[in-house]
């Protein structure tokens, strides 16, 4: 199955608009680099650079830019979401992404299953405060609810020392624990995505 071509899109949920340096962008790109070693082509979207309106519809109208991001998500085999930690929680941008993905529950395939069945998702969390495990759990649950499959050990994180100012993108090199978990998540994501491409979930009808 290694000859099955795969695509991925990473959504960086930083609060910082471009061109500001972003730890979330860095980790998202590292995820995509790890996926590339498994023959996955990809793109990266910094969500805050787009006018993503609040709501739970696929298109909220009035200049809403979520539909173009949604198209990339629904066309990709693998979704990467990387969220920063703010006051112990995922960023408001990451929460909005989950809210907008809720619209996919009403989208079904010909077999009766939700449209996102067959898609794989992995997550990353960065921050210099506690919260990574809670954010990961919340992202896993939300993504799984709308139909994504989470592979074994499907994420990584980095927590800096509490109450200090060092960010992930300030590090001279990525700690091996974080990098190793990322490699595992990428390998498992590509493996599961190819399995699902070759053999879809059974019909829900």
Foldseek 3Di string as FASTA:
>chain_A
DLPDAFEEEEEQADLDAPPDDDLSVVVSVLLQVLLVVSRYHYYYDDQNNAQADAAQACDPDPRHPSVVVVVRQLVGQEYEYEFEADPQEGDPSVVRVLSNLNNQLPDADPLGHGSQFLHAYAYEYWEQADRGVVHRVVVVVSCVVSHHDYFVLRYFYDYHHHPDDDTNVNDPDDDPRRSVSSSVNSVRNSVSSVVCVVPPDHRPD
